[in-house]
């Protein structure tokens, strides 16, 4: 764990990570009814730790239902619905973006606006199709207000869900779409320029970083670089098979 995540976990009251236990009955009897800051932090960590353990054991139906009912962070209060993901549950290819936009929030499916059309074209360029050996999801499952980037606290709340999705799919290759997705998956603060052009690893799964389709709509000259990334991904997948 890097210092960035350690600091955030501390602010959320989720450290130290090796303490996952309830106070003894004697200790509980000495606590005031209103609770203390220490009690609140312990309970928050225990609840999060228990949630992670439960998520790790879920099947697709259970995970989908849990995500749809999640209110772990404020994003759920401002979005229309959660956007879980779409595609082949046994896909070799896993594409991960940052979070739903307005169109995705309305329809409940990732990448369905103009950025989604471009992503479909990117898939077609390497002979792939949405829903066929491809799964698409995001770092966070709820739309951030005004389409802003999700912050690290919000991303951490969704991490168990994404981790379980990846474990269930068992993809051969992960494509991180954009800086936010790449930084969260690789647990770093690096620029997208420094992350592109390399083969990274996420829990032993090869990972390639490329630009988010929404960015490419604003920066057309970068499409050539994205095409190069896709070619690298296609060659890597062929070698994996």
Protein backbone atom coordinates (compact mmCIF):
# COMPACT_ATOMS: atom_id res chain seq x y z
CA UNK A 1 0.00 0.00 0.00
CA UNK A 2 1.41 3.41 -0.92
CA UNK A 3 1.38 6.47 1.31
CA UNK A 4 -1.51 8.04 -0.64
CA UNK A 5 -3.90 5.23 0.18
CA UNK A 6 -2.56 4.85 3.71
CA UNK A 7 -3.35 8.50 4.40
CA UNK A 8 -6.87 8.22 3.02
CA UNK A 9 -7.59 5.05 4.97
CA UNK A 10 -6.42 6.78 8.12
CA UNK A 11 -8.71 9.74 7.45
CA UNK A 12 -11.63 7.35 6.93
CA UNK A 13 -10.91 5.62 10.20
CA UNK A 14 -9.98 2.35 8.50
CA UNK A 15 -6.56 1.86 10.05
CA UNK A 16 -4.69 0.03 11.46
CA UNK A 17 -5.54 -2.67 8.92
CA UNK A 18 -4.60 -5.60 11.13
CA UNK A 19 -7.19 -4.81 13.82
CA UNK A 20 -10.53 -6.37 13.00
CA UNK A 21 -12.18 -7.19 16.28
CA UNK A 22 -14.99 -5.94 18.47
CA UNK A 23 -14.37 -4.40 21.88
CA UNK A 24 -14.74 -6.77 24.79
CA UNK A 25 -17.95 -6.78 26.83
CA UNK A 26 -16.10 -5.11 29.69
CA UNK A 27 -14.79 -2.38 27.43
CA UNK A 28 -18.23 -1.83 25.96
CA UNK A 29 -19.76 -1.39 29.41
CA UNK A 30 -17.32 1.43 30.15
CA UNK A 31 -18.19 3.39 27.03
CA UNK A 32 -20.74 6.21 27.20
CA UNK A 33 -24.04 5.61 25.42
CA UNK A 34 -23.34 8.34 22.89
CA UNK A 35 -20.12 6.61 21.84
CA UNK A 36 -16.65 8.07 21.45
CA UNK A 37 -14.60 8.92 18.36
CA UNK A 38 -12.53 5.79 18.94
CA UNK A 39 -15.66 3.64 19.04
CA UNK A 40 -16.97 5.18 15.84
CA UNK A 41 -13.70 4.53 14.02
CA UNK A 42 -13.56 0.93 15.21
CA UNK A 43 -17.13 0.27 14.18
CA UNK A 44 -16.55 1.90 10.79
CA UNK A 45 -13.52 -0.28 10.13
CA UNK A 46 -15.24 -3.44 11.32
CA UNK A 47 -18.23 -2.74 9.10
CA UNK A 48 -16.01 -2.11 6.07
CA UNK A 49 -13.88 -5.18 6.80
CA UNK A 50 -16.95 -7.36 7.18
CA UNK A 51 -18.42 -5.96 3.97
CA UNK A 52 -15.23 -6.82 2.08
CA UNK A 53 -15.27 -10.39 3.40
CA UNK A 54 -18.91 -10.79 2.39
CA UNK A 55 -18.34 -9.35 -1.09
CA UNK A 56 -15.43 -11.73 -1.68
CA UNK A 57 -17.87 -14.65 -1.37
CA UNK A 58 -20.65 -13.30 -3.62
CA UNK A 59 -21.80 -14.70 -6.94
CA UNK A 60 -22.91 -12.48 -9.81
CA UNK A 61 -26.53 -12.18 -8.69
CA UNK A 62 -25.59 -11.33 -5.11
CA UNK A 63 -22.96 -8.82 -6.20
CA UNK A 64 -25.32 -7.09 -8.62
CA UNK A 65 -28.01 -6.75 -5.96
CA UNK A 66 -25.53 -5.49 -3.36
CA UNK A 67 -24.19 -2.81 -5.69
CA UNK A 68 -27.70 -1.67 -6.64
CA UNK A 69 -28.55 -1.21 -2.95
CA UNK A 70 -25.23 0.35 -1.94
CA UNK A 71 -25.24 3.68 -0.09
CA UNK A 72 -21.69 3.50 1.25
CA UNK A 73 -20.70 6.91 -0.11
CA UNK A 74 -22.51 10.17 -0.98
CA UNK A 75 -22.47 9.44 -4.73
CA UNK A 76 -25.57 7.26 -4.38
CA UNK A 77 -27.52 10.26 -3.09
CA UNK A 78 -27.00 12.26 -6.28
CA UNK A 79 -27.16 9.61 -9.01
CA UNK A 80 -30.22 8.06 -10.64
CA UNK A 81 -29.05 4.47 -10.33
CA UNK A 82 -25.92 2.39 -10.01
CA UNK A 83 -24.13 1.31 -13.17
CA UNK A 84 -22.76 -2.16 -12.50
CA UNK A 85 -21.18 -3.22 -15.78
CA UNK A 86 -22.08 -5.04 -18.96
CA UNK A 87 -20.74 -7.86 -21.09
CA UNK A 88 -19.52 -11.43 -21.08
CA UNK A 89 -19.07 -12.86 -17.58
CA UNK A 90 -16.27 -15.08 -18.93
CA UNK A 91 -14.59 -12.41 -21.04
CA UNK A 92 -10.90 -12.48 -21.89
CA UNK A 93 -10.98 -8.69 -22.28
CA UNK A 94 -11.90 -6.39 -19.38
CA UNK A 95 -12.22 -2.65 -20.04
CA UNK A 96 -12.39 -0.36 -16.99
CA UNK A 97 -13.23 3.34 -17.07
CA UNK A 98 -13.53 5.85 -14.26
CA UNK A 99 -17.27 6.30 -13.63
CA UNK A 100 -20.68 6.69 -15.26
CA UNK A 101 -21.63 9.89 -17.08
CA UNK A 102 -25.07 11.44 -17.47
CA UNK A 103 -26.17 9.11 -20.24
CA UNK A 104 -24.88 6.04 -18.40
CA UNK A 105 -26.62 7.18 -15.23
CA UNK A 106 -29.92 7.45 -17.12
CA UNK A 107 -29.69 4.06 -18.84
CA UNK A 108 -27.80 2.04 -16.24
CA UNK A 109 -25.11 0.83 -18.65
CA UNK A 110 -21.48 2.00 -18.97
CA UNK A 111 -20.21 3.78 -22.06
CA UNK A 112 -23.46 4.42 -23.94
CA UNK A 113 -23.00 8.08 -24.92
CA UNK A 114 -20.65 9.51 -27.54
CA UNK A 115 -17.69 8.09 -25.62
CA UNK A 116 -19.42 4.72 -25.71
CA UNK A 117 -19.81 4.88 -29.48
CA UNK A 118 -16.12 5.64 -29.81
CA UNK A 119 -15.28 2.73 -27.51
CA UNK A 120 -17.40 0.43 -29.67
CA UNK A 121 -15.44 1.65 -32.70
CA UNK A 122 -12.18 1.02 -30.85
CA UNK A 123 -13.33 -2.51 -30.09
CA UNK A 124 -14.34 -3.10 -33.69
CA UNK A 125 -10.93 -1.92 -34.87
CA UNK A 126 -9.33 -4.92 -33.16
CA UNK A 127 -12.17 -7.28 -34.11
CA UNK A 128 -14.01 -7.17 -30.79
CA UNK A 129 -17.65 -6.41 -29.99
CA UNK A 130 -19.39 -5.28 -26.83
CA UNK A 131 -20.85 -8.29 -25.06
CA UNK A 132 -18.75 -10.85 -26.95
CA UNK A 133 -15.67 -11.88 -24.97
CA UNK A 134 -15.60 -8.32 -23.58
CA UNK A 135 -16.74 -6.95 -20.22
CA UNK A 136 -16.99 -3.21 -19.52
CA UNK A 137 -17.23 -1.53 -16.12
CA UNK A 138 -15.92 1.44 -14.11
CA UNK A 139 -13.91 2.18 -11.00
CA UNK A 140 -17.04 3.60 -9.31
CA UNK A 141 -20.59 2.43 -9.93
CA UNK A 142 -22.38 5.76 -9.33
CA UNK A 143 -22.13 8.95 -11.37
CA UNK A 144 -20.07 11.69 -9.69
CA UNK A 145 -21.90 15.05 -9.76
CA UNK A 146 -21.28 17.13 -12.90
CA UNK A 147 -19.26 14.22 -14.33
CA UNK A 148 -16.26 15.09 -12.18
CA UNK A 149 -13.59 12.50 -11.50
CA UNK A 150 -14.32 10.21 -8.54
CA UNK A 151 -12.15 10.98 -5.55
CA UNK A 152 -10.07 8.38 -3.76
CA UNK A 153 -12.55 7.90 -0.91
CA UNK A 154 -15.33 7.12 -3.39
CA UNK A 155 -13.07 4.78 -5.34
CA UNK A 156 -12.10 2.92 -2.17
CA UNK A 157 -15.74 2.30 -1.28
CA UNK A 158 -16.26 0.64 -4.67
CA UNK A 159 -12.98 -1.29 -4.68
CA UNK A 160 -14.43 -4.50 -3.16
CA UNK A 161 -17.09 -4.61 -5.88
CA UNK A 162 -14.60 -4.16 -8.71
CA UNK A 163 -12.19 -6.64 -7.15
CA UNK A 164 -14.95 -9.23 -7.00
CA UNK A 165 -15.99 -8.56 -10.59
CA UNK A 166 -12.42 -9.17 -11.72
CA UNK A 167 -12.18 -12.34 -9.64
CA UNK A 168 -15.41 -13.69 -11.14
CA UNK A 169 -14.53 -12.81 -14.74
CA UNK A 170 -10.90 -13.98 -14.60
CA UNK A 171 -9.91 -11.87 -17.63
CA UNK A 172 -6.72 -12.52 -19.53
CA UNK A 173 -6.13 -8.81 -20.10
CA UNK A 174 -7.30 -5.56 -18.49
CA UNK A 175 -7.48 -2.28 -20.40
CA UNK A 176 -7.50 0.79 -18.15
CA UNK A 177 -9.32 3.62 -19.90
CA UNK A 178 -7.88 6.93 -18.72
CA UNK A 179 -5.71 8.22 -15.92
CA UNK A 180 -8.22 7.81 -13.10
CA UNK A 181 -8.81 4.13 -13.85
CA UNK A 182 -5.12 3.44 -14.31
CA UNK A 183 -4.07 5.20 -11.11
CA UNK A 184 -6.62 3.31 -9.04
CA UNK A 185 -5.86 -0.07 -10.56
CA UNK A 186 -2.10 0.39 -10.32
CA UNK A 187 -2.23 2.20 -6.96
CA UNK A 188 -0.10 5.11 -8.14
CA UNK A 189 -0.13 8.81 -9.00
CA UNK A 190 1.72 8.54 -12.31
CA UNK A 191 0.73 10.49 -15.40
CA UNK A 192 -0.99 8.66 -18.21
CA UNK A 193 1.92 9.51 -20.48
CA UNK A 194 4.28 7.58 -18.22
CA UNK A 195 1.89 4.64 -17.84
CA UNK A 196 1.15 4.18 -21.54
CA UNK A 197 3.32 2.00 -23.74
CA UNK A 198 4.05 -0.50 -20.98
CA UNK A 199 2.60 -3.80 -19.86
CA UNK A 200 1.61 -3.51 -16.20
CA UNK A 201 0.18 -6.13 -13.88
CA UNK A 202 -2.93 -6.19 -11.70
CA UNK A 203 -2.98 -9.20 -9.36
CA UNK A 204 -1.02 -11.15 -11.94
CA UNK A 205 -3.23 -10.07 -14.85
CA UNK A 206 -1.54 -8.06 -17.64
CA UNK A 207 -2.83 -4.49 -17.79
CA UNK A 208 -2.47 -1.91 -20.55
CA UNK A 209 -3.23 1.79 -20.12
CA UNK A 210 -4.76 3.92 -22.85
CA UNK A 211 -6.74 7.14 -23.14
CA UNK A 212 -10.38 7.39 -22.07
CA UNK A 213 -12.71 7.66 -25.09
CA UNK A 214 -14.21 10.89 -23.69
CA UNK A 215 -10.74 12.44 -23.74
CA UNK A 216 -10.16 11.28 -27.30
CA UNK A 217 -13.33 13.09 -28.39
CA UNK A 218 -11.68 16.32 -27.20
CA UNK A 219 -8.14 15.50 -28.32
CA UNK A 220 -8.41 13.94 -31.76
CA UNK A 221 -4.63 13.87 -32.43
CA UNK A 222 -4.24 11.42 -29.54
CA UNK A 223 -6.29 8.79 -31.37
CA UNK A 224 -3.13 7.59 -33.11
CA UNK A 225 -1.57 6.84 -29.72
CA UNK A 226 -4.71 5.04 -28.58
CA UNK A 227 -4.61 2.94 -31.76
CA UNK A 228 -1.03 1.99 -30.95
CA UNK A 229 -2.14 0.92 -27.46
CA UNK A 230 -4.89 -1.23 -28.95
CA UNK A 231 -2.44 -2.88 -31.32
CA UNK A 232 -0.18 -3.66 -28.39
CA UNK A 233 -3.14 -5.13 -26.51
CA UNK A 234 -4.14 -7.28 -29.50
CA UNK A 235 -0.61 -8.62 -29.92
CA UNK A 236 -0.37 -9.35 -26.21
CA UNK A 237 -3.68 -11.21 -26.20
CA UNK A 238 -2.55 -13.31 -29.16
CA UNK A 239 0.58 -14.27 -27.26
CA UNK A 240 -1.47 -15.14 -24.16
CA UNK A 241 -3.66 -17.50 -26.17
